[in-house]
Amino acid sequence: MRHIPSSLIFTYFYKKNVYDTFQQYLDRKIALTNDEKELIRSVSILKKLRKKQYLLQEGDVWKYDAFITKGCMRMYAVDDKGIEHIIYFGVENWWIGDRESLLNQTPSRLNIDAIEDCEVVLFTGPNFEMICSKIPAFRDMVHAIISKSFNVNQNRILSGISKSAEEKYLDFLQKYADFAMRIPQAMIASYLGIKPETLSRIRNGITKK
């Protein structure tokens, strides 16, 4: 009987576990036939990132749709003064990517990196479109996700221009209670568009109430 290296066995089960997390997500969202499941699996790319490792760097062309199966990530821009402006956090069972760069195939203005060690499932743009065209249920799921994302972004803009720094922070804690404690305070401040020292004062004030 041929000996199978333990490294290959580990790689097999690692990839299986990463993809199974994505498959469980799909099973909660839509009904798929076995052939449809196999089609999606066959074009998936599994990737592991270490903490602080980039998934996308400014200037590169984003070529994927990415689904997070483990860990926490951030998407952000850096202005001409070198200041980071975080526009999105992503955690388990969330999608992440630069749709402008993907759709137009132009250099990205954004960065995506790992706040924690992460695992993601990637689909190239053409393969993702192929899945959408061949599996209507998957396409409808994607459209629903995009619509929800649009509403979230619209509400965030309204919050940014109409609420105080404390109100924005309390909203953040309420909406993202499941993972807010996993994110460094300086990153939360960047996401809210306030200075870290302002957030520190807000947190101290809340503690004293």
N, C-alpha and C. Protein backbone atom coordinates (compact mmCIF):
# COMPACT_ATOMS: atom_id res chain seq x y z
N MET A 1 0.85 -1.20 0.00
CA MET A 1 0.00 0.00 0.00
C MET A 1 0.88 1.25 0.00
N ARG A 2 0.62 2.19 -0.90
CA ARG A 2 1.45 3.38 -1.05
C ARG A 2 1.25 4.30 0.15
N HIS A 3 2.37 4.80 0.66
CA HIS A 3 2.32 5.72 1.80
C HIS A 3 1.94 7.12 1.32
N ILE A 4 0.97 7.72 2.00
CA ILE A 4 0.55 9.08 1.68
C ILE A 4 1.17 10.02 2.69
N PRO A 5 1.98 10.99 2.25
CA PRO A 5 2.62 11.92 3.18
C PRO A 5 1.60 12.63 4.06
N SER A 6 1.97 12.79 5.33
CA SER A 6 1.05 13.44 6.27
C SER A 6 0.75 14.87 5.86
N SER A 7 1.70 15.53 5.16
CA SER A 7 1.47 16.91 4.71
C SER A 7 0.34 16.98 3.71
N LEU A 8 0.24 15.95 2.85
CA LEU A 8 -0.84 15.92 1.86
C LEU A 8 -2.18 15.66 2.54
N ILE A 9 -2.17 14.81 3.56
CA ILE A 9 -3.40 14.53 4.30
C ILE A 9 -3.87 15.80 5.00
N PHE A 10 -2.94 16.54 5.62
CA PHE A 10 -3.28 17.79 6.29
C PHE A 10 -3.85 18.79 5.30
N THR A 11 -3.19 18.91 4.13
CA THR A 11 -3.66 19.86 3.12
C THR A 11 -5.07 19.51 2.65
N TYR A 12 -5.33 18.22 2.46
CA TYR A 12 -6.66 17.79 2.01
C TYR A 12 -7.72 18.19 3.02
N PHE A 13 -7.51 17.86 4.29
CA PHE A 13 -8.52 18.16 5.30
C PHE A 13 -8.63 19.65 5.57
N TYR A 14 -7.50 20.37 5.46
CA TYR A 14 -7.55 21.83 5.62
C TYR A 14 -8.44 22.44 4.54
N LYS A 15 -8.21 22.07 3.29
CA LYS A 15 -9.00 22.62 2.19
C LYS A 15 -10.46 22.21 2.32
N LYS A 16 -10.69 20.97 2.73
CA LYS A 16 -12.07 20.49 2.90
C LYS A 16 -12.79 21.31 3.97
N ASN A 17 -12.13 21.56 5.08
CA ASN A 17 -12.77 22.32 6.16
C ASN A 17 -13.07 23.75 5.75
N VAL A 18 -12.13 24.38 5.03
CA VAL A 18 -12.36 25.75 4.56
C VAL A 18 -13.55 25.79 3.62
N TYR A 19 -13.58 24.89 2.65
CA TYR A 19 -14.68 24.92 1.69
C TYR A 19 -16.00 24.51 2.34
N ASP A 20 -15.97 23.55 3.26
CA ASP A 20 -17.20 23.11 3.92
C ASP A 20 -17.89 24.27 4.63
N THR A 21 -17.10 25.19 5.19
CA THR A 21 -17.68 26.38 5.83
C THR A 21 -18.47 27.20 4.82
N PHE A 22 -17.91 27.35 3.63
CA PHE A 22 -18.60 28.09 2.57
C PHE A 22 -19.84 27.33 2.11
N GLN A 23 -19.72 26.01 1.97
CA GLN A 23 -20.87 25.22 1.53
C GLN A 23 -22.01 25.30 2.54
N GLN A 24 -21.69 25.29 3.82
CA GLN A 24 -22.72 25.42 4.85
C GLN A 24 -23.43 26.77 4.74
N TYR A 25 -22.66 27.80 4.42
CA TYR A 25 -23.25 29.13 4.20
C TYR A 25 -24.24 29.08 3.03
N LEU A 26 -23.82 28.48 1.92
CA LEU A 26 -24.71 28.37 0.77
C LEU A 26 -25.97 27.58 1.10
N ASP A 27 -25.80 26.49 1.85
CA ASP A 27 -26.95 25.64 2.19
C ASP A 27 -27.98 26.41 3.02
N ARG A 28 -27.52 27.37 3.82
CA ARG A 28 -28.46 28.18 4.61
C ARG A 28 -29.18 29.20 3.74
N LYS A 29 -28.58 29.56 2.63
CA LYS A 29 -29.12 30.63 1.78
C LYS A 29 -30.01 30.12 0.65
N ILE A 30 -29.55 29.07 -0.02
CA ILE A 30 -30.23 28.62 -1.24
C ILE A 30 -30.21 27.10 -1.34
N ALA A 31 -31.12 26.57 -2.17
CA ALA A 31 -31.15 25.13 -2.44
C ALA A 31 -30.36 24.86 -3.72
N LEU A 32 -29.41 23.94 -3.66
CA LEU A 32 -28.58 23.61 -4.81
C LEU A 32 -28.60 22.11 -5.06
N THR A 33 -28.53 21.72 -6.32
CA THR A 33 -28.37 20.31 -6.66
C THR A 33 -26.92 19.91 -6.42
N ASN A 34 -26.66 18.61 -6.40
CA ASN A 34 -25.28 18.14 -6.22
C ASN A 34 -24.39 18.61 -7.36
N ASP A 35 -24.94 18.62 -8.59
CA ASP A 35 -24.15 19.09 -9.73
C ASP A 35 -23.80 20.57 -9.59
N GLU A 36 -24.74 21.36 -9.10
CA GLU A 36 -24.48 22.78 -8.91
C GLU A 36 -23.43 23.01 -7.82
N LYS A 37 -23.53 22.22 -6.76
CA LYS A 37 -22.53 22.33 -5.69
C LYS A 37 -21.14 21.99 -6.22
N GLU A 38 -21.07 20.95 -7.04
CA GLU A 38 -19.77 20.55 -7.57
C GLU A 38 -19.22 21.58 -8.54
N LEU A 39 -20.08 22.22 -9.32
CA LEU A 39 -19.64 23.27 -10.23
C LEU A 39 -19.01 24.42 -9.44
N ILE A 40 -19.67 24.84 -8.38
CA ILE A 40 -19.14 25.94 -7.57
C ILE A 40 -17.82 25.54 -6.93
N ARG A 41 -17.78 24.33 -6.38
CA ARG A 41 -16.55 23.85 -5.74
C ARG A 41 -15.39 23.78 -6.73
N SER A 42 -15.68 23.35 -7.96
CA SER A 42 -14.61 23.12 -8.94
C SER A 42 -13.87 24.37 -9.35
N VAL A 43 -14.50 25.54 -9.20
CA VAL A 43 -13.83 26.78 -9.61
C VAL A 43 -13.42 27.64 -8.42
N SER A 44 -13.54 27.09 -7.22
CA SER A 44 -13.17 27.85 -6.02
C SER A 44 -11.66 27.79 -5.81
N ILE A 45 -11.14 28.85 -5.21
CA ILE A 45 -9.72 28.94 -4.85
C ILE A 45 -9.66 29.21 -3.35
N LEU A 46 -8.91 28.40 -2.63
CA LEU A 46 -8.81 28.56 -1.18
C LEU A 46 -7.50 29.24 -0.83
N LYS A 47 -7.57 30.22 0.05
CA LYS A 47 -6.38 30.99 0.40
C LYS A 47 -6.34 31.25 1.90
N LYS A 48 -5.15 31.15 2.46
CA LYS A 48 -4.93 31.42 3.87
C LYS A 48 -4.05 32.66 4.00
N LEU A 49 -4.42 33.57 4.90
CA LEU A 49 -3.65 34.78 5.12
C LEU A 49 -3.23 34.89 6.58
N ARG A 50 -2.00 35.32 6.78
CA ARG A 50 -1.54 35.60 8.14
C ARG A 50 -2.00 37.00 8.55
N LYS A 51 -2.02 37.25 9.85
CA LYS A 51 -2.35 38.56 10.36
C LYS A 51 -1.48 39.62 9.69
N LYS A 52 -2.10 40.69 9.22
CA LYS A 52 -1.47 41.83 8.54
C LYS A 52 -1.09 41.55 7.09
N GLN A 53 -1.34 40.34 6.60
CA GLN A 53 -1.03 40.02 5.20
C GLN A 53 -2.10 40.62 4.29
N TYR A 54 -1.66 41.11 3.13
CA TYR A 54 -2.58 41.73 2.18
C TYR A 54 -3.30 40.68 1.33
N LEU A 55 -4.59 40.94 1.10
CA LEU A 55 -5.33 40.24 0.07
C LEU A 55 -5.36 41.09 -1.20
N LEU A 56 -5.35 42.40 -1.01
CA LEU A 56 -5.31 43.37 -2.11
C LEU A 56 -4.50 44.58 -1.68
N GLN A 57 -3.64 45.07 -2.59
CA GLN A 57 -2.90 46.30 -2.33
C GLN A 57 -3.26 47.36 -3.36
N GLU A 58 -3.29 48.59 -2.90
CA GLU A 58 -3.57 49.73 -3.78
C GLU A 58 -2.67 49.67 -5.01
N GLY A 59 -3.26 49.89 -6.17
CA GLY A 59 -2.51 49.85 -7.42
C GLY A 59 -2.63 48.55 -8.16
N ASP A 60 -2.99 47.47 -7.45
CA ASP A 60 -3.23 46.18 -8.10
C ASP A 60 -4.66 46.13 -8.63
N VAL A 61 -4.88 45.29 -9.63
CA VAL A 61 -6.23 45.09 -10.16
C VAL A 61 -6.88 43.93 -9.40
N TRP A 62 -8.04 44.17 -8.82
CA TRP A 62 -8.77 43.14 -8.08
C TRP A 62 -9.48 42.23 -9.06
N LYS A 63 -9.27 40.92 -8.93
CA LYS A 63 -9.77 39.98 -9.93
C LYS A 63 -10.74 38.94 -9.36
N TYR A 64 -11.17 39.12 -8.12
CA TYR A 64 -11.92 38.06 -7.46
C TYR A 64 -13.19 38.56 -6.77
N ASP A 65 -14.04 37.59 -6.45
CA ASP A 65 -15.05 37.75 -5.41
C ASP A 65 -14.57 36.88 -4.26
N ALA A 66 -14.53 37.43 -3.05
CA ALA A 66 -13.93 36.74 -1.92
C ALA A 66 -14.92 36.55 -0.79
N PHE A 67 -14.93 35.35 -0.23
CA PHE A 67 -15.80 35.00 0.90
C PHE A 67 -14.92 34.59 2.07
N ILE A 68 -15.15 35.19 3.22
CA ILE A 68 -14.34 34.93 4.41
C ILE A 68 -14.92 33.74 5.18
N THR A 69 -14.12 32.70 5.37
CA THR A 69 -14.56 31.56 6.17
C THR A 69 -14.00 31.58 7.58
N LYS A 70 -12.93 32.36 7.79
CA LYS A 70 -12.34 32.46 9.12
C LYS A 70 -11.60 33.78 9.24
N GLY A 71 -11.76 34.45 10.39
CA GLY A 71 -10.98 35.65 10.65
C GLY A 71 -11.71 36.95 10.38
N CYS A 72 -10.98 38.03 10.56
CA CYS A 72 -11.51 39.38 10.40
C CYS A 72 -10.58 40.17 9.49
N MET A 73 -11.15 40.92 8.55
CA MET A 73 -10.38 41.68 7.58
C MET A 73 -10.88 43.12 7.54
N ARG A 74 -10.10 43.98 6.92
CA ARG A 74 -10.52 45.36 6.74
C ARG A 74 -10.18 45.81 5.32
N MET A 75 -10.99 46.73 4.80
CA MET A 75 -10.74 47.35 3.50
C MET A 75 -10.60 48.84 3.74
N TYR A 76 -9.54 49.44 3.20
CA TYR A 76 -9.27 50.84 3.52
C TYR A 76 -8.49 51.54 2.41
N ALA A 77 -8.56 52.87 2.45
CA ALA A 77 -7.78 53.71 1.55
C ALA A 77 -6.77 54.49 2.37
N VAL A 78 -5.68 54.90 1.72
CA VAL A 78 -4.66 55.71 2.37
C VAL A 78 -4.57 57.04 1.63
N ASP A 79 -4.75 58.16 2.35
CA ASP A 79 -4.73 59.46 1.68
C ASP A 79 -3.29 59.94 1.45
N ASP A 80 -3.15 61.11 0.83
CA ASP A 80 -1.82 61.60 0.47
C ASP A 80 -0.98 61.99 1.67
N LYS A 81 -1.59 62.01 2.86
CA LYS A 81 -0.84 62.28 4.09
C LYS A 81 -0.46 60.98 4.81
N GLY A 82 -0.83 59.85 4.19
CA GLY A 82 -0.52 58.56 4.79
C GLY A 82 -1.49 58.10 5.84
N ILE A 83 -2.64 58.77 5.93
CA ILE A 83 -3.65 58.41 6.93
C ILE A 83 -4.60 57.36 6.35
N GLU A 84 -4.85 56.31 7.12
CA GLU A 84 -5.75 55.25 6.68
C GLU A 84 -7.20 55.61 6.97
N HIS A 85 -8.07 55.29 6.01
CA HIS A 85 -9.51 55.50 6.17
C HIS A 85 -10.21 54.17 5.89
N ILE A 86 -10.65 53.52 6.96
CA ILE A 86 -11.28 52.20 6.82
C ILE A 86 -12.72 52.37 6.37
N ILE A 87 -13.09 51.66 5.32
CA ILE A 87 -14.45 51.76 4.80
C ILE A 87 -15.28 50.50 5.03
N TYR A 88 -14.61 49.41 5.44
CA TYR A 88 -15.37 48.16 5.56
C TYR A 88 -14.59 47.17 6.43
N PHE A 89 -15.32 46.46 7.28
CA PHE A 89 -14.78 45.31 7.99
C PHE A 89 -15.50 44.07 7.47
N GLY A 90 -14.80 42.96 7.43
CA GLY A 90 -15.41 41.70 7.02
C GLY A 90 -15.01 40.59 7.97
N VAL A 91 -15.97 39.74 8.33
CA VAL A 91 -15.71 38.61 9.22
C VAL A 91 -16.30 37.35 8.60
N GLU A 92 -16.30 36.27 9.37
CA GLU A 92 -16.80 35.00 8.89
C GLU A 92 -18.19 35.14 8.25
N ASN A 93 -18.34 34.50 7.11
CA ASN A 93 -19.60 34.46 6.36
C ASN A 93 -19.95 35.80 5.70
N TRP A 94 -18.96 36.66 5.54
CA TRP A 94 -19.14 37.92 4.81
C TRP A 94 -18.30 37.88 3.54
N TRP A 95 -18.75 38.63 2.55
CA TRP A 95 -18.01 38.82 1.30
C TRP A 95 -17.18 40.09 1.41
N ILE A 96 -16.08 40.13 0.66
CA ILE A 96 -15.24 41.32 0.67
C ILE A 96 -14.55 41.47 -0.69
N GLY A 97 -14.33 42.70 -1.12
CA GLY A 97 -13.63 42.94 -2.38
C GLY A 97 -13.88 44.34 -2.90
N ASP A 98 -13.12 44.72 -3.91
CA ASP A 98 -13.26 46.03 -4.54
C ASP A 98 -14.02 45.87 -5.85
N ARG A 99 -15.31 46.14 -5.82
CA ARG A 99 -16.14 45.90 -7.00
C ARG A 99 -15.80 46.87 -8.13
N GLU A 100 -15.40 48.08 -7.81
CA GLU A 100 -15.04 49.03 -8.86
C GLU A 100 -13.86 48.50 -9.67
N SER A 101 -12.83 48.04 -8.99
CA SER A 101 -11.65 47.50 -9.67
C SER A 101 -11.99 46.23 -10.43
N LEU A 102 -12.82 45.37 -9.83
CA LEU A 102 -13.20 44.11 -10.46
C LEU A 102 -13.99 44.34 -11.74
N LEU A 103 -15.01 45.19 -11.67
CA LEU A 103 -15.89 45.39 -12.82
C LEU A 103 -15.20 46.14 -13.95
N ASN A 104 -14.36 47.12 -13.59
CA ASN A 104 -13.69 47.94 -14.61
C ASN A 104 -12.30 47.45 -14.95
N GLN A 105 -11.79 46.50 -14.15
CA GLN A 105 -10.41 46.00 -14.31
C GLN A 105 -9.41 47.15 -14.35
N THR A 106 -9.55 48.03 -13.39
CA THR A 106 -8.66 49.17 -13.22
C THR A 106 -7.91 49.04 -11.90
N PRO A 107 -6.75 49.69 -11.77
CA PRO A 107 -6.00 49.61 -10.51
C PRO A 107 -6.85 50.06 -9.32
N SER A 108 -6.78 49.30 -8.27
CA SER A 108 -7.59 49.59 -7.08
C SER A 108 -7.04 50.78 -6.31
N ARG A 109 -7.94 51.52 -5.73
CA ARG A 109 -7.57 52.61 -4.82
C ARG A 109 -7.58 52.15 -3.37
N LEU A 110 -7.84 50.87 -3.18
CA LEU A 110 -8.05 50.33 -1.83
C LEU A 110 -7.03 49.26 -1.47
N ASN A 111 -6.98 48.98 -0.18
CA ASN A 111 -6.20 47.88 0.37
C ASN A 111 -7.13 46.97 1.16
N ILE A 112 -6.84 45.68 1.14
CA ILE A 112 -7.54 44.73 2.00
C ILE A 112 -6.48 43.90 2.70
N ASP A 113 -6.52 43.88 4.03
CA ASP A 113 -5.58 43.02 4.75
C ASP A 113 -6.26 42.36 5.94
N ALA A 114 -5.52 41.43 6.54
CA ALA A 114 -6.07 40.59 7.60
C ALA A 114 -5.80 41.20 8.97
N ILE A 115 -6.86 41.43 9.73
CA ILE A 115 -6.71 41.87 11.12
C ILE A 115 -6.32 40.69 11.99
N GLU A 116 -6.80 39.51 11.63
CA GLU A 116 -6.46 38.25 12.29
C GLU A 116 -5.99 37.28 11.21
N ASP A 117 -5.47 36.12 11.60
CA ASP A 117 -5.24 35.06 10.63
C ASP A 117 -6.58 34.73 9.97
N CYS A 118 -6.57 34.62 8.65
CA CYS A 118 -7.83 34.48 7.90
C CYS A 118 -7.76 33.35 6.89
N GLU A 119 -8.93 32.86 6.52
CA GLU A 119 -9.10 31.91 5.43
C GLU A 119 -10.22 32.41 4.55
N VAL A 120 -10.00 32.37 3.23
CA VAL A 120 -11.00 32.88 2.30
C VAL A 120 -11.19 31.92 1.13
N VAL A 121 -12.37 31.98 0.55
CA VAL A 121 -12.68 31.28 -0.69
C VAL A 121 -12.78 32.33 -1.78
N LEU A 122 -12.01 32.15 -2.85
CA LEU A 122 -11.97 33.13 -3.94
C LEU A 122 -12.57 32.54 -5.21
N PHE A 123 -13.19 33.42 -6.00
CA PHE A 123 -13.67 33.07 -7.34
C PHE A 123 -13.21 34.16 -8.29
N THR A 124 -12.59 33.78 -9.40
CA THR A 124 -12.23 34.79 -10.38
C THR A 124 -13.50 35.43 -10.93
N GLY A 125 -13.37 36.66 -11.42
CA GLY A 125 -14.53 37.36 -11.96
C GLY A 125 -15.28 36.56 -13.01
N PRO A 126 -14.58 36.02 -14.04
CA PRO A 126 -15.28 35.23 -15.06
C PRO A 126 -15.97 33.99 -14.49
N ASN A 127 -15.33 33.30 -13.57
CA ASN A 127 -15.96 32.11 -12.98
C ASN A 127 -17.16 32.47 -12.13
N PHE A 128 -17.08 33.58 -11.42
CA PHE A 128 -18.21 34.03 -10.61
C PHE A 128 -19.40 34.36 -11.51
N GLU A 129 -19.14 35.05 -12.62
CA GLU A 129 -20.21 35.37 -13.56
C GLU A 129 -20.78 34.11 -14.19
N MET A 130 -19.92 33.13 -14.45
CA MET A 130 -20.38 31.86 -15.01
C MET A 130 -21.32 31.16 -14.05
N ILE A 131 -20.96 31.15 -12.76
CA ILE A 131 -21.82 30.52 -11.76
C ILE A 131 -23.18 31.23 -11.71
N CYS A 132 -23.15 32.56 -11.73
CA CYS A 132 -24.40 33.33 -11.69
C CYS A 132 -25.28 33.03 -12.90
N SER A 133 -24.66 32.85 -14.06
CA SER A 133 -25.44 32.61 -15.28
C SER A 133 -26.02 31.20 -15.32
N LYS A 134 -25.32 30.25 -14.72
CA LYS A 134 -25.76 28.85 -14.78
C LYS A 134 -26.63 28.44 -13.59
N ILE A 135 -26.55 29.20 -12.50
CA ILE A 135 -27.31 28.84 -11.30
C ILE A 135 -28.14 30.04 -10.86
N PRO A 136 -29.39 30.14 -11.31
CA PRO A 136 -30.23 31.31 -11.00
C PRO A 136 -30.35 31.59 -9.50
N ALA A 137 -30.42 30.54 -8.68
CA ALA A 137 -30.56 30.75 -7.23
C ALA A 137 -29.33 31.46 -6.68
N PHE A 138 -28.16 31.12 -7.19
CA PHE A 138 -26.92 31.77 -6.76
C PHE A 138 -26.92 33.23 -7.20
N ARG A 139 -27.36 33.46 -8.43
CA ARG A 139 -27.44 34.84 -8.95
C ARG A 139 -28.38 35.69 -8.10
N ASP A 140 -29.53 35.13 -7.75
CA ASP A 140 -30.49 35.88 -6.93
C ASP A 140 -29.92 36.18 -5.55
N MET A 141 -29.17 35.23 -5.00
CA MET A 141 -28.53 35.45 -3.70
C MET A 141 -27.54 36.60 -3.79
N VAL A 142 -26.76 36.63 -4.85
CA VAL A 142 -25.76 37.70 -5.04
C VAL A 142 -26.45 39.05 -5.17
N HIS A 143 -27.53 39.10 -5.94
CA HIS A 143 -28.26 40.37 -6.10
C HIS A 143 -28.80 40.85 -4.75
N ALA A 144 -29.28 39.93 -3.93
CA ALA A 144 -29.80 40.30 -2.61
C ALA A 144 -28.68 40.84 -1.72
N ILE A 145 -27.50 40.24 -1.82
CA ILE A 145 -26.35 40.70 -1.03
C ILE A 145 -25.93 42.10 -1.46
N ILE A 146 -25.90 42.34 -2.78
CA ILE A 146 -25.52 43.66 -3.29
C ILE A 146 -26.53 44.72 -2.85
N SER A 147 -27.82 44.38 -2.90
CA SER A 147 -28.86 45.32 -2.47
C SER A 147 -28.72 45.65 -0.99
N LYS A 148 -28.46 44.64 -0.19
CA LYS A 148 -28.28 44.86 1.25
C LYS A 148 -27.05 45.73 1.50
N SER A 149 -25.98 45.47 0.75
CA SER A 149 -24.76 46.26 0.90
C SER A 149 -25.00 47.72 0.55
N PHE A 150 -25.79 47.95 -0.49
CA PHE A 150 -26.13 49.33 -0.88
C PHE A 150 -26.87 50.04 0.24
N ASN A 151 -27.83 49.35 0.84
CA ASN A 151 -28.60 49.95 1.94
C ASN A 151 -27.72 50.25 3.15
N VAL A 152 -26.81 49.31 3.46
CA VAL A 152 -25.90 49.52 4.59
C VAL A 152 -25.02 50.73 4.35
N ASN A 153 -24.48 50.85 3.13
CA ASN A 153 -23.62 51.99 2.82
C ASN A 153 -24.38 53.31 2.87
N GLN A 154 -25.62 53.29 2.39
CA GLN A 154 -26.44 54.50 2.42
C GLN A 154 -26.71 54.93 3.86
N ASN A 155 -27.04 53.97 4.70
CA ASN A 155 -27.30 54.29 6.11
C ASN A 155 -26.04 54.79 6.81
N ARG A 156 -24.89 54.24 6.40
CA ARG A 156 -23.64 54.69 7.01
C ARG A 156 -23.33 56.13 6.62
N ILE A 157 -23.59 56.49 5.38
CA ILE A 157 -23.38 57.87 4.94
C ILE A 157 -24.28 58.82 5.72
N LEU A 158 -25.55 58.44 5.86
CA LEU A 158 -26.49 59.27 6.61
C LEU A 158 -26.06 59.42 8.06
N SER A 159 -25.60 58.32 8.65
CA SER A 159 -25.13 58.37 10.03
C SER A 159 -23.92 59.28 10.16
N GLY A 160 -23.02 59.21 9.17
CA GLY A 160 -21.80 60.00 9.21
C GLY A 160 -22.03 61.49 9.17
N ILE A 161 -23.09 61.91 8.49
CA ILE A 161 -23.33 63.34 8.34
C ILE A 161 -24.37 63.88 9.33
N SER A 162 -25.03 63.01 10.08
CA SER A 162 -26.11 63.49 10.94
C SER A 162 -25.95 63.14 12.42
N LYS A 163 -25.00 62.25 12.76
CA LYS A 163 -24.89 61.82 14.14
C LYS A 163 -23.59 62.27 14.77
N SER A 164 -23.61 62.39 16.09
CA SER A 164 -22.41 62.76 16.83
C SER A 164 -21.45 61.57 16.86
N ALA A 165 -20.21 61.84 17.27
CA ALA A 165 -19.21 60.78 17.36
C ALA A 165 -19.66 59.68 18.32
N GLU A 166 -20.25 60.07 19.45
CA GLU A 166 -20.71 59.07 20.41
C GLU A 166 -21.86 58.24 19.84
N GLU A 167 -22.77 58.88 19.14
CA GLU A 167 -23.89 58.15 18.54
C GLU A 167 -23.40 57.16 17.49
N LYS A 168 -22.41 57.57 16.71
CA LYS A 168 -21.85 56.67 15.69
C LYS A 168 -21.18 55.46 16.34
N TYR A 169 -20.48 55.70 17.43
CA TYR A 169 -19.81 54.59 18.12
C TYR A 169 -20.82 53.63 18.73
N LEU A 170 -21.85 54.16 19.36
CA LEU A 170 -22.88 53.30 19.95
C LEU A 170 -23.62 52.51 18.88
N ASP A 171 -23.87 53.14 17.73
CA ASP A 171 -24.48 52.43 16.61
C ASP A 171 -23.60 51.28 16.15
N PHE A 172 -22.29 51.55 16.08
CA PHE A 172 -21.34 50.52 15.66
C PHE A 172 -21.38 49.33 16.61
N LEU A 173 -21.37 49.60 17.90
CA LEU A 173 -21.41 48.52 18.89
C LEU A 173 -22.69 47.71 18.79
N GLN A 174 -23.79 48.40 18.52
CA GLN A 174 -25.08 47.71 18.42
C GLN A 174 -25.16 46.85 17.16
N LYS A 175 -24.72 47.40 16.04
CA LYS A 175 -24.83 46.68 14.77
C LYS A 175 -23.83 45.54 14.66
N TYR A 176 -22.65 45.73 15.24
CA TYR A 176 -21.58 44.76 15.06
C TYR A 176 -21.10 44.19 16.40
N ALA A 177 -22.05 43.93 17.27
CA ALA A 177 -21.73 43.41 18.61
C ALA A 177 -20.99 42.08 18.54
N ASP A 178 -21.26 41.29 17.49
CA ASP A 178 -20.66 39.97 17.38
C ASP A 178 -19.15 40.01 17.22
N PHE A 179 -18.63 41.09 16.64
CA PHE A 179 -17.18 41.10 16.39
C PHE A 179 -16.49 42.41 16.77
N ALA A 180 -17.21 43.37 17.32
CA ALA A 180 -16.61 44.68 17.63
C ALA A 180 -15.40 44.56 18.55
N MET A 181 -15.43 43.61 19.48
CA MET A 181 -14.34 43.47 20.44
C MET A 181 -13.09 42.87 19.81
N ARG A 182 -13.20 42.36 18.60
CA ARG A 182 -12.03 41.77 17.91
C ARG A 182 -11.23 42.82 17.14
N ILE A 183 -11.75 44.04 17.07
CA ILE A 183 -11.14 45.07 16.25
C ILE A 183 -10.44 46.10 17.13
N PRO A 184 -9.18 46.43 16.84
CA PRO A 184 -8.47 47.46 17.63
C PRO A 184 -9.22 48.79 17.61
N GLN A 185 -9.17 49.50 18.73
CA GLN A 185 -9.92 50.75 18.85
C GLN A 185 -9.50 51.79 17.80
N ALA A 186 -8.21 51.83 17.46
CA ALA A 186 -7.75 52.79 16.46
C ALA A 186 -8.41 52.53 15.11
N MET A 187 -8.65 51.26 14.79
CA MET A 187 -9.31 50.92 13.53
C MET A 187 -10.78 51.30 13.57
N ILE A 188 -11.42 51.10 14.70
CA ILE A 188 -12.82 51.51 14.84
C ILE A 188 -12.93 53.02 14.66
N ALA A 189 -12.00 53.76 15.26
CA ALA A 189 -12.00 55.22 15.12
C ALA A 189 -11.86 55.61 13.65
N SER A 190 -10.97 54.94 12.93
CA SER A 190 -10.78 55.23 11.51
C SER A 190 -12.07 54.96 10.74
N TYR A 191 -12.73 53.85 11.04
CA TYR A 191 -13.98 53.50 10.37
C TYR A 191 -15.06 54.55 10.63
N LEU A 192 -15.10 55.06 11.85
CA LEU A 192 -16.12 56.05 12.22
C LEU A 192 -15.77 57.46 11.77
N GLY A 193 -14.52 57.65 11.32
CA GLY A 193 -14.11 58.98 10.87
C GLY A 193 -13.82 59.94 12.01
N ILE A 194 -13.35 59.39 13.13
CA ILE A 194 -13.01 60.23 14.28
C ILE A 194 -11.58 59.92 14.71
N LYS A 195 -11.00 60.78 15.54
CA LYS A 195 -9.64 60.55 16.01
C LYS A 195 -9.63 59.53 17.15
N PRO A 196 -8.55 58.74 17.26
CA PRO A 196 -8.48 57.75 18.34
C PRO A 196 -8.68 58.34 19.72
N GLU A 197 -8.13 59.54 19.95
CA GLU A 197 -8.28 60.14 21.27
C GLU A 197 -9.74 60.54 21.54
N THR A 198 -10.46 60.88 20.47
CA THR A 198 -11.89 61.18 20.63
C THR A 198 -12.65 59.93 21.04
N LEU A 199 -12.33 58.82 20.39
CA LEU A 199 -12.98 57.56 20.74
C LEU A 199 -12.63 57.15 22.17
N SER A 200 -11.39 57.38 22.57
CA SER A 200 -10.99 57.06 23.94
C SER A 200 -11.81 57.85 24.96
N ARG A 201 -12.03 59.13 24.68
CA ARG A 201 -12.84 59.96 25.59
C ARG A 201 -14.28 59.46 25.63
N ILE A 202 -14.81 59.08 24.47
CA ILE A 202 -16.18 58.57 24.42
C ILE A 202 -16.30 57.29 25.25
N ARG A 203 -15.34 56.39 25.08
CA ARG A 203 -15.36 55.12 25.82
C ARG A 203 -15.27 55.36 27.33
N ASN A 204 -14.42 56.30 27.72
CA ASN A 204 -14.29 56.62 29.15
C ASN A 204 -15.58 57.22 29.70
N GLY A 205 -16.21 58.08 28.88
CA GLY A 205 -17.46 58.69 29.30
C GLY A 205 -18.57 57.67 29.46
N ILE A 206 -18.61 56.69 28.55
CA ILE A 206 -19.63 55.65 28.63
C ILE A 206 -19.41 54.79 29.88
N THR A 207 -18.15 54.50 30.17
CA THR A 207 -17.82 53.68 31.34
C THR A 207 -18.26 54.33 32.64
N LYS A 208 -18.16 55.66 32.69
CA LYS A 208 -18.49 56.40 33.91
C LYS A 208 -19.99 56.59 34.11
N LYS A 209 -20.77 56.39 33.04
CA LYS A 209 -22.21 56.61 33.15
C LYS A 209 -22.88 55.51 33.98
